[in-house]
């Protein structure tokens, strides 16, 4: 993966509700214990299960694999950082593929409406990750701003000359 991969997935919450009602074991088969605890603690667990399923799909799209190359349902899960932000957790084959492609992290965003759950994922590589210790080159920025100002002044002079010559005619 040269730069970064992006994945998005949308999942119908009612579809997740029906699936969990028909097959109660499905949650245990598809989701980690932590995910189950989180989802089951919510007023509408199916919304949160649907978000996590959409997250798996979005992450695997960002990695460019989908559920192929030996990746299973348990190879991607969703956790939360100390601030409650969703975090993609990769293991097994998904982690292996991410590492082979230089993926340092997968940024994840989850959301839902009453009917739909959506997940966005970005597989971030070193090439696109902002460098924390990089400081902008103030001389280069100043030179660029002067160059931009000079081009604006040149354009204004050109317009003024053109306007003056049209008025004289």
N, C-alpha and C. Protein backbone atom coordinates (compact mmCIF):
# COMPACT_ATOMS: atom_id res chain seq x y z
N UNK A 1 0.86 -1.16 0.00
CA UNK A 1 0.00 0.00 0.00
C UNK A 1 0.91 1.23 0.00
N UNK A 2 0.80 2.03 -1.02
CA UNK A 2 1.70 3.16 -1.15
C UNK A 2 1.40 4.28 -0.15
N UNK A 3 0.18 4.74 -0.10
CA UNK A 3 -0.13 5.87 0.76
C UNK A 3 -1.11 5.50 1.86
N UNK A 4 -2.36 5.40 1.51
CA UNK A 4 -3.39 5.06 2.49
C UNK A 4 -4.55 4.43 1.75
N UNK A 5 -5.29 3.61 2.46
CA UNK A 5 -6.49 3.02 1.90
C UNK A 5 -7.70 3.56 2.64
N UNK A 6 -8.80 3.70 1.94
CA UNK A 6 -10.03 4.21 2.54
C UNK A 6 -11.13 3.19 2.34
N UNK A 7 -11.92 2.99 3.38
CA UNK A 7 -13.03 2.06 3.28
C UNK A 7 -14.25 2.63 3.97
N UNK A 8 -15.41 2.35 3.42
CA UNK A 8 -16.67 2.78 4.03
C UNK A 8 -17.66 1.64 3.89
N UNK A 9 -18.53 1.50 4.88
CA UNK A 9 -19.56 0.48 4.81
C UNK A 9 -20.80 0.98 5.54
N UNK A 10 -21.95 0.61 5.01
CA UNK A 10 -23.24 0.95 5.60
C UNK A 10 -23.98 -0.35 5.85
N UNK A 11 -24.60 -0.45 7.02
CA UNK A 11 -25.31 -1.68 7.37
C UNK A 11 -26.67 -1.30 7.97
N UNK A 12 -27.71 -2.02 7.56
CA UNK A 12 -29.06 -1.75 8.07
C UNK A 12 -29.19 -2.31 9.49
N UNK A 13 -29.61 -1.46 10.40
CA UNK A 13 -29.76 -1.87 11.80
C UNK A 13 -30.85 -2.92 11.94
N UNK A 14 -31.95 -2.77 11.22
CA UNK A 14 -33.05 -3.75 11.30
C UNK A 14 -32.56 -5.14 10.87
N UNK A 15 -31.68 -5.17 9.90
CA UNK A 15 -31.11 -6.46 9.45
C UNK A 15 -30.31 -7.12 10.58
N UNK A 16 -29.56 -6.32 11.33
CA UNK A 16 -28.81 -6.85 12.46
C UNK A 16 -29.77 -7.32 13.56
N UNK A 17 -30.81 -6.53 13.81
CA UNK A 17 -31.81 -6.94 14.81
C UNK A 17 -32.41 -8.29 14.47
N UNK A 18 -32.82 -8.45 13.21
CA UNK A 18 -33.42 -9.73 12.77
C UNK A 18 -32.42 -10.87 12.90
N UNK A 19 -31.19 -10.64 12.50
CA UNK A 19 -30.16 -11.69 12.56
C UNK A 19 -29.91 -12.12 14.00
N UNK A 20 -29.84 -11.17 14.92
CA UNK A 20 -29.59 -11.50 16.32
C UNK A 20 -30.79 -12.20 16.96
N UNK A 21 -32.01 -11.84 16.53
CA UNK A 21 -33.21 -12.51 17.05
C UNK A 21 -33.28 -13.95 16.57
N UNK A 22 -32.99 -14.18 15.29
CA UNK A 22 -33.07 -15.54 14.71
C UNK A 22 -31.93 -16.42 15.18
N UNK A 23 -30.76 -15.82 15.36
CA UNK A 23 -29.56 -16.60 15.73
C UNK A 23 -28.86 -15.93 16.90
N UNK A 24 -29.32 -16.17 18.12
CA UNK A 24 -28.72 -15.50 19.28
C UNK A 24 -27.22 -15.79 19.44
N UNK A 25 -26.75 -16.92 18.95
CA UNK A 25 -25.33 -17.26 19.04
C UNK A 25 -24.47 -16.40 18.12
N UNK A 26 -25.09 -15.69 17.20
CA UNK A 26 -24.37 -14.90 16.22
C UNK A 26 -23.45 -13.86 16.87
N UNK A 27 -23.93 -13.21 17.92
CA UNK A 27 -23.12 -12.19 18.59
C UNK A 27 -21.83 -12.81 19.13
N UNK A 28 -21.93 -13.99 19.71
CA UNK A 28 -20.73 -14.65 20.25
C UNK A 28 -19.78 -15.09 19.14
N UNK A 29 -20.33 -15.45 18.00
CA UNK A 29 -19.52 -15.91 16.88
C UNK A 29 -18.80 -14.77 16.17
N UNK A 30 -19.46 -13.61 16.09
CA UNK A 30 -18.93 -12.50 15.29
C UNK A 30 -18.20 -11.42 16.08
N UNK A 31 -18.48 -11.30 17.37
CA UNK A 31 -17.98 -10.16 18.12
C UNK A 31 -17.20 -10.61 19.34
N UNK A 32 -16.21 -9.82 19.72
CA UNK A 32 -15.40 -10.15 20.90
C UNK A 32 -16.25 -9.98 22.16
N UNK A 33 -15.77 -10.53 23.24
CA UNK A 33 -16.46 -10.39 24.53
C UNK A 33 -16.61 -8.92 24.89
N UNK A 34 -15.56 -8.13 24.67
CA UNK A 34 -15.62 -6.70 24.98
C UNK A 34 -16.66 -5.99 24.12
N UNK A 35 -16.73 -6.35 22.84
CA UNK A 35 -17.74 -5.75 21.96
C UNK A 35 -19.14 -6.12 22.42
N UNK A 36 -19.33 -7.38 22.78
CA UNK A 36 -20.65 -7.82 23.26
C UNK A 36 -21.05 -7.06 24.53
N UNK A 37 -20.11 -6.93 25.46
CA UNK A 37 -20.40 -6.20 26.70
C UNK A 37 -20.79 -4.75 26.40
N UNK A 38 -20.03 -4.13 25.52
CA UNK A 38 -20.31 -2.74 25.16
C UNK A 38 -21.69 -2.62 24.52
N UNK A 39 -21.96 -3.42 23.50
CA UNK A 39 -23.22 -3.34 22.77
C UNK A 39 -24.41 -3.67 23.66
N UNK A 40 -24.27 -4.72 24.46
CA UNK A 40 -25.39 -5.15 25.31
C UNK A 40 -25.68 -4.16 26.43
N UNK A 41 -24.74 -3.26 26.71
CA UNK A 41 -24.98 -2.25 27.76
C UNK A 41 -25.75 -1.05 27.23
N UNK A 42 -26.02 -1.03 25.94
CA UNK A 42 -26.70 0.10 25.32
C UNK A 42 -28.21 -0.16 25.20
N UNK A 43 -28.97 0.94 25.10
CA UNK A 43 -30.43 0.83 24.99
C UNK A 43 -30.85 0.07 23.72
N UNK A 44 -30.14 0.30 22.63
CA UNK A 44 -30.43 -0.41 21.37
C UNK A 44 -29.17 -1.13 20.91
N UNK A 45 -28.91 -2.32 21.44
CA UNK A 45 -27.68 -3.05 21.12
C UNK A 45 -27.46 -3.26 19.63
N UNK A 46 -28.52 -3.48 18.88
CA UNK A 46 -28.37 -3.77 17.45
C UNK A 46 -27.70 -2.62 16.70
N UNK A 47 -27.94 -1.37 17.12
CA UNK A 47 -27.28 -0.23 16.48
C UNK A 47 -25.76 -0.37 16.60
N UNK A 48 -25.32 -0.74 17.77
CA UNK A 48 -23.89 -0.80 18.05
C UNK A 48 -23.26 -2.05 17.42
N UNK A 49 -24.01 -3.16 17.41
CA UNK A 49 -23.52 -4.34 16.70
C UNK A 49 -23.40 -4.05 15.21
N UNK A 50 -24.39 -3.35 14.65
CA UNK A 50 -24.36 -3.01 13.22
C UNK A 50 -23.17 -2.10 12.91
N UNK A 51 -22.88 -1.15 13.79
CA UNK A 51 -21.71 -0.28 13.60
C UNK A 51 -20.42 -1.10 13.58
N UNK A 52 -20.33 -2.07 14.48
CA UNK A 52 -19.12 -2.88 14.55
C UNK A 52 -18.98 -3.81 13.35
N UNK A 53 -20.09 -4.29 12.85
CA UNK A 53 -20.01 -5.11 11.64
C UNK A 53 -19.59 -4.24 10.46
N UNK A 54 -20.19 -3.04 10.35
CA UNK A 54 -19.82 -2.11 9.29
C UNK A 54 -18.34 -1.73 9.42
N UNK A 55 -17.86 -1.58 10.64
CA UNK A 55 -16.46 -1.24 10.87
C UNK A 55 -15.54 -2.32 10.32
N UNK A 56 -15.88 -3.59 10.55
CA UNK A 56 -15.07 -4.69 10.02
C UNK A 56 -14.95 -4.59 8.51
N UNK A 57 -16.09 -4.38 7.87
CA UNK A 57 -16.11 -4.27 6.41
C UNK A 57 -15.30 -3.06 5.94
N UNK A 58 -15.48 -1.91 6.59
CA UNK A 58 -14.77 -0.70 6.18
C UNK A 58 -13.26 -0.87 6.37
N UNK A 59 -12.85 -1.46 7.47
CA UNK A 59 -11.42 -1.66 7.73
C UNK A 59 -10.83 -2.58 6.67
N UNK A 60 -11.52 -3.65 6.36
CA UNK A 60 -10.98 -4.59 5.37
C UNK A 60 -10.97 -3.99 3.97
N UNK A 61 -11.90 -3.11 3.68
CA UNK A 61 -11.85 -2.38 2.41
C UNK A 61 -10.65 -1.44 2.39
N UNK A 62 -10.40 -0.77 3.52
CA UNK A 62 -9.24 0.13 3.61
C UNK A 62 -7.94 -0.64 3.43
N UNK A 63 -7.91 -1.89 3.91
CA UNK A 63 -6.72 -2.72 3.73
C UNK A 63 -6.65 -3.31 2.32
N UNK A 64 -7.76 -3.21 1.59
CA UNK A 64 -7.79 -3.71 0.21
C UNK A 64 -8.02 -5.20 0.10
N UNK A 65 -8.58 -5.82 1.13
CA UNK A 65 -8.73 -7.28 1.10
C UNK A 65 -10.18 -7.76 1.12
N UNK A 66 -11.03 -7.10 1.88
CA UNK A 66 -12.34 -7.66 2.17
C UNK A 66 -12.13 -8.94 2.96
N UNK A 67 -13.17 -9.74 3.10
CA UNK A 67 -13.03 -11.02 3.80
C UNK A 67 -12.45 -12.05 2.83
N UNK A 68 -11.16 -11.91 2.56
CA UNK A 68 -10.47 -12.86 1.69
C UNK A 68 -9.06 -13.04 2.24
N UNK A 69 -8.25 -13.77 1.55
CA UNK A 69 -6.85 -13.99 1.92
C UNK A 69 -6.70 -14.56 3.33
N UNK A 70 -7.72 -15.33 3.76
CA UNK A 70 -7.65 -15.97 5.06
C UNK A 70 -8.10 -15.12 6.22
N UNK A 71 -8.67 -13.96 5.95
CA UNK A 71 -9.15 -13.08 7.02
C UNK A 71 -10.51 -13.57 7.50
N UNK A 72 -10.65 -13.71 8.81
CA UNK A 72 -11.89 -14.16 9.41
C UNK A 72 -12.62 -13.04 10.14
N UNK A 73 -13.82 -13.34 10.61
CA UNK A 73 -14.64 -12.36 11.31
C UNK A 73 -13.96 -11.82 12.57
N UNK A 74 -13.16 -12.62 13.21
CA UNK A 74 -12.54 -12.19 14.46
C UNK A 74 -11.20 -11.48 14.26
N UNK A 75 -10.78 -11.27 13.03
CA UNK A 75 -9.49 -10.62 12.76
C UNK A 75 -9.55 -9.10 12.88
N UNK A 76 -10.76 -8.55 12.93
CA UNK A 76 -10.95 -7.11 13.11
C UNK A 76 -12.02 -6.93 14.18
N UNK A 77 -11.75 -6.06 15.13
CA UNK A 77 -12.76 -5.73 16.13
C UNK A 77 -12.67 -4.25 16.44
N UNK A 78 -13.59 -3.78 17.27
CA UNK A 78 -13.63 -2.37 17.63
C UNK A 78 -13.50 -2.25 19.14
N UNK A 79 -12.59 -1.39 19.55
CA UNK A 79 -12.42 -1.06 20.96
C UNK A 79 -12.56 0.46 21.07
N UNK A 80 -12.26 0.99 22.24
CA UNK A 80 -12.32 2.44 22.44
C UNK A 80 -11.07 2.89 23.18
N UNK A 81 -10.60 4.09 22.84
CA UNK A 81 -9.45 4.63 23.57
C UNK A 81 -9.94 5.27 24.88
N UNK A 82 -9.04 5.89 25.60
CA UNK A 82 -9.38 6.47 26.90
C UNK A 82 -10.43 7.58 26.81
N UNK A 83 -10.58 8.17 25.62
CA UNK A 83 -11.55 9.26 25.43
C UNK A 83 -12.86 8.77 24.82
N UNK A 84 -12.99 7.45 24.61
CA UNK A 84 -14.21 6.89 24.04
C UNK A 84 -14.21 6.81 22.53
N UNK A 85 -13.13 7.23 21.88
CA UNK A 85 -13.03 7.20 20.42
C UNK A 85 -12.90 5.75 19.96
N UNK A 86 -13.65 5.36 18.93
CA UNK A 86 -13.51 3.98 18.44
C UNK A 86 -12.14 3.73 17.83
N UNK A 87 -11.62 2.54 18.10
CA UNK A 87 -10.30 2.15 17.62
C UNK A 87 -10.42 0.79 16.95
N UNK A 88 -9.87 0.68 15.75
CA UNK A 88 -9.83 -0.60 15.05
C UNK A 88 -8.73 -1.46 15.65
N UNK A 89 -9.08 -2.68 15.98
CA UNK A 89 -8.10 -3.63 16.54
C UNK A 89 -7.92 -4.75 15.52
N UNK A 90 -6.70 -4.91 15.04
CA UNK A 90 -6.40 -5.94 14.06
C UNK A 90 -5.63 -7.07 14.72
N UNK A 91 -5.90 -8.29 14.30
CA UNK A 91 -5.12 -9.42 14.77
C UNK A 91 -5.07 -10.47 13.66
N UNK A 92 -4.30 -11.50 13.90
CA UNK A 92 -4.15 -12.62 12.96
C UNK A 92 -3.82 -12.14 11.55
N UNK A 93 -4.54 -12.64 10.56
CA UNK A 93 -4.23 -12.36 9.16
C UNK A 93 -4.41 -10.88 8.79
N UNK A 94 -5.41 -10.21 9.37
CA UNK A 94 -5.61 -8.79 9.08
C UNK A 94 -4.42 -7.97 9.55
N UNK A 95 -3.90 -8.28 10.72
CA UNK A 95 -2.72 -7.58 11.23
C UNK A 95 -1.51 -7.87 10.36
N UNK A 96 -1.36 -9.11 9.96
CA UNK A 96 -0.23 -9.50 9.10
C UNK A 96 -0.25 -8.73 7.78
N UNK A 97 -1.41 -8.66 7.15
CA UNK A 97 -1.53 -7.95 5.87
C UNK A 97 -1.28 -6.45 6.07
N UNK A 98 -1.82 -5.89 7.15
CA UNK A 98 -1.60 -4.47 7.43
C UNK A 98 -0.11 -4.19 7.59
N UNK A 99 0.58 -5.02 8.33
CA UNK A 99 2.02 -4.82 8.54
C UNK A 99 2.79 -4.97 7.23
N UNK A 100 2.42 -5.94 6.41
CA UNK A 100 3.09 -6.12 5.11
C UNK A 100 2.94 -4.88 4.23
N UNK A 101 1.81 -4.20 4.38
CA UNK A 101 1.53 -3.02 3.56
C UNK A 101 1.96 -1.71 4.22
N UNK A 102 2.64 -1.80 5.35
CA UNK A 102 3.13 -0.59 6.00
C UNK A 102 2.07 0.22 6.73
N UNK A 103 0.95 -0.40 7.05
CA UNK A 103 -0.13 0.30 7.75
C UNK A 103 0.25 0.43 9.22
N UNK A 104 0.29 1.66 9.71
CA UNK A 104 0.66 1.93 11.09
C UNK A 104 -0.55 1.96 12.01
N UNK A 105 -1.68 2.39 11.46
CA UNK A 105 -2.92 2.44 12.22
C UNK A 105 -4.08 2.51 11.24
N UNK A 106 -5.26 2.21 11.75
CA UNK A 106 -6.46 2.37 10.95
C UNK A 106 -7.37 3.33 11.71
N UNK A 107 -7.51 4.55 11.18
CA UNK A 107 -8.39 5.54 11.78
C UNK A 107 -9.83 5.12 11.49
N UNK A 108 -10.69 5.26 12.48
CA UNK A 108 -12.04 4.72 12.37
C UNK A 108 -13.06 5.73 12.86
N UNK A 109 -14.15 5.85 12.13
CA UNK A 109 -15.26 6.70 12.53
C UNK A 109 -16.55 5.90 12.38
N UNK A 110 -17.37 5.90 13.42
CA UNK A 110 -18.63 5.17 13.41
C UNK A 110 -19.78 6.13 13.65
N UNK A 111 -20.91 5.86 13.01
CA UNK A 111 -22.09 6.68 13.22
C UNK A 111 -23.32 5.86 12.87
N UNK A 112 -24.47 6.30 13.36
CA UNK A 112 -25.70 5.63 12.98
C UNK A 112 -26.87 6.59 13.05
N UNK A 113 -27.89 6.25 12.25
CA UNK A 113 -29.17 6.92 12.33
C UNK A 113 -30.12 5.91 12.96
N UNK A 114 -31.39 6.18 12.89
CA UNK A 114 -32.35 5.21 13.41
C UNK A 114 -32.34 3.92 12.58
N UNK A 115 -32.00 4.04 11.30
CA UNK A 115 -32.09 2.89 10.40
C UNK A 115 -30.75 2.32 9.93
N UNK A 116 -29.72 3.15 9.87
CA UNK A 116 -28.46 2.72 9.26
C UNK A 116 -27.26 2.95 10.18
N UNK A 117 -26.30 2.05 10.09
CA UNK A 117 -25.01 2.20 10.76
C UNK A 117 -23.98 2.39 9.66
N UNK A 118 -23.04 3.31 9.89
CA UNK A 118 -22.02 3.58 8.89
C UNK A 118 -20.65 3.62 9.57
N UNK A 119 -19.66 3.12 8.85
CA UNK A 119 -18.29 3.15 9.35
C UNK A 119 -17.37 3.62 8.24
N UNK A 120 -16.41 4.47 8.61
CA UNK A 120 -15.37 4.93 7.70
C UNK A 120 -14.03 4.54 8.30
N UNK A 121 -13.15 4.04 7.46
CA UNK A 121 -11.83 3.62 7.93
C UNK A 121 -10.77 4.14 6.97
N UNK A 122 -9.65 4.56 7.53
CA UNK A 122 -8.51 4.99 6.73
C UNK A 122 -7.28 4.25 7.25
N UNK A 123 -6.67 3.46 6.37
CA UNK A 123 -5.43 2.76 6.70
C UNK A 123 -4.29 3.73 6.49
N UNK A 124 -3.65 4.13 7.58
CA UNK A 124 -2.63 5.17 7.55
C UNK A 124 -1.24 4.55 7.49
N UNK A 125 -0.46 4.99 6.52
CA UNK A 125 0.94 4.55 6.40
C UNK A 125 1.85 5.70 6.82
N UNK A 126 3.11 5.42 6.95
CA UNK A 126 4.08 6.43 7.34
C UNK A 126 4.14 7.58 6.34
N UNK A 127 3.86 7.29 5.08
CA UNK A 127 3.95 8.32 4.04
C UNK A 127 2.89 9.40 4.20
N UNK A 128 1.75 9.09 4.81
CA UNK A 128 0.69 10.08 4.94
C UNK A 128 0.48 10.54 6.37
N UNK A 129 1.11 9.88 7.32
CA UNK A 129 0.95 10.29 8.72
C UNK A 129 1.70 11.59 8.95
N UNK A 130 1.04 12.56 9.56
CA UNK A 130 1.74 13.82 9.87
C UNK A 130 2.89 13.56 10.83
N UNK A 131 3.98 14.21 10.59
CA UNK A 131 5.15 14.08 11.44
C UNK A 131 5.01 15.04 12.61
N UNK A 132 5.06 14.55 13.82
CA UNK A 132 4.87 15.39 15.00
C UNK A 132 6.00 16.38 15.21
N UNK A 133 7.21 15.99 14.88
CA UNK A 133 8.34 16.86 15.14
C UNK A 133 8.70 17.76 13.97
N UNK A 134 7.97 17.62 12.86
CA UNK A 134 8.26 18.49 11.71
C UNK A 134 7.70 19.87 11.98
N UNK A 135 8.56 20.87 11.87
CA UNK A 135 8.12 22.25 12.02
C UNK A 135 8.12 22.89 10.64
N UNK A 136 7.14 23.73 10.39
CA UNK A 136 7.10 24.38 9.08
C UNK A 136 8.35 25.23 8.88
N UNK A 137 8.84 25.23 7.66
CA UNK A 137 10.01 26.03 7.31
C UNK A 137 9.53 27.47 7.11
N UNK A 138 9.81 28.33 8.09
CA UNK A 138 9.29 29.70 8.06
C UNK A 138 9.83 30.48 6.87
N UNK A 139 11.08 30.24 6.48
CA UNK A 139 11.64 30.95 5.32
C UNK A 139 10.91 30.54 4.05
N UNK A 140 10.64 29.25 3.91
CA UNK A 140 9.94 28.76 2.72
C UNK A 140 8.50 29.29 2.69
N UNK A 141 7.86 29.34 3.87
CA UNK A 141 6.50 29.87 3.92
C UNK A 141 6.47 31.35 3.55
N UNK A 142 7.44 32.10 4.06
CA UNK A 142 7.51 33.53 3.75
C UNK A 142 7.76 33.74 2.26
N UNK A 143 8.68 32.97 1.69
CA UNK A 143 8.98 33.08 0.27
C UNK A 143 7.74 32.75 -0.56
N UNK A 144 7.02 31.73 -0.16
CA UNK A 144 5.80 31.34 -0.89
C UNK A 144 4.75 32.43 -0.81
N UNK A 145 4.60 33.04 0.37
CA UNK A 145 3.59 34.10 0.49
C UNK A 145 3.97 35.32 -0.34
N UNK A 146 5.28 35.66 -0.40
CA UNK A 146 5.72 36.77 -1.25
C UNK A 146 5.48 36.45 -2.73
N UNK A 147 5.75 35.20 -3.10
CA UNK A 147 5.54 34.80 -4.49
C UNK A 147 4.06 34.90 -4.85
N UNK A 148 3.20 34.46 -3.94
CA UNK A 148 1.76 34.53 -4.18
C UNK A 148 1.31 35.99 -4.27
N UNK A 149 1.81 36.83 -3.36
CA UNK A 149 1.46 38.25 -3.38
C UNK A 149 1.94 38.90 -4.68
N UNK A 150 3.15 38.55 -5.12
CA UNK A 150 3.69 39.12 -6.37
C UNK A 150 2.81 38.72 -7.55
N UNK A 151 2.34 37.48 -7.58
CA UNK A 151 1.50 37.06 -8.71
C UNK A 151 0.15 37.78 -8.69
N UNK A 152 -0.39 38.07 -7.50
CA UNK A 152 -1.64 38.84 -7.40
C UNK A 152 -1.40 40.26 -7.90
N UNK A 153 -0.30 40.87 -7.48
CA UNK A 153 0.03 42.23 -7.93
C UNK A 153 0.22 42.27 -9.44
N UNK A 154 0.94 41.30 -9.99
CA UNK A 154 1.15 41.22 -11.44
C UNK A 154 -0.18 41.11 -12.17
N UNK A 155 -1.08 40.31 -11.66
CA UNK A 155 -2.39 40.13 -12.29
C UNK A 155 -3.19 41.42 -12.23
N UNK A 156 -3.15 42.10 -11.09
CA UNK A 156 -3.86 43.38 -10.96
C UNK A 156 -3.30 44.42 -11.93
N UNK A 157 -1.97 44.46 -12.07
CA UNK A 157 -1.34 45.39 -13.02
C UNK A 157 -1.77 45.06 -14.45
N UNK A 158 -1.83 43.76 -14.78
CA UNK A 158 -2.24 43.35 -16.12
C UNK A 158 -3.68 43.78 -16.39
N UNK A 159 -4.56 43.58 -15.42
CA UNK A 159 -5.96 43.97 -15.57
C UNK A 159 -6.07 45.49 -15.70
N UNK A 160 -5.30 46.20 -14.92
CA UNK A 160 -5.33 47.67 -14.97
C UNK A 160 -4.86 48.17 -16.31
N UNK A 161 -3.78 47.62 -16.84
CA UNK A 161 -3.27 48.02 -18.15
C UNK A 161 -4.30 47.73 -19.23
N UNK A 162 -4.91 46.53 -19.18
CA UNK A 162 -5.93 46.16 -20.16
C UNK A 162 -7.12 47.08 -20.08
N UNK A 163 -7.56 47.41 -18.86
CA UNK A 163 -8.70 48.29 -18.68
C UNK A 163 -8.38 49.69 -19.19
N UNK A 164 -7.21 50.20 -18.88
CA UNK A 164 -6.80 51.54 -19.33
C UNK A 164 -6.74 51.62 -20.85
N UNK A 165 -6.22 50.57 -21.48
CA UNK A 165 -6.12 50.61 -22.94
C UNK A 165 -7.50 50.51 -23.58
N UNK A 166 -8.45 49.82 -22.94
CA UNK A 166 -9.81 49.76 -23.48
C UNK A 166 -10.53 51.10 -23.32
N UNK A 167 -10.26 51.78 -22.23
CA UNK A 167 -10.90 53.07 -21.99
C UNK A 167 -10.39 54.10 -22.99
N UNK A 168 -9.12 54.07 -23.34
CA UNK A 168 -8.53 55.03 -24.28
C UNK A 168 -9.04 54.81 -25.69
N UNK A 169 -9.47 53.61 -25.99
CA UNK A 169 -9.92 53.32 -27.36
C UNK A 169 -11.28 53.84 -27.55
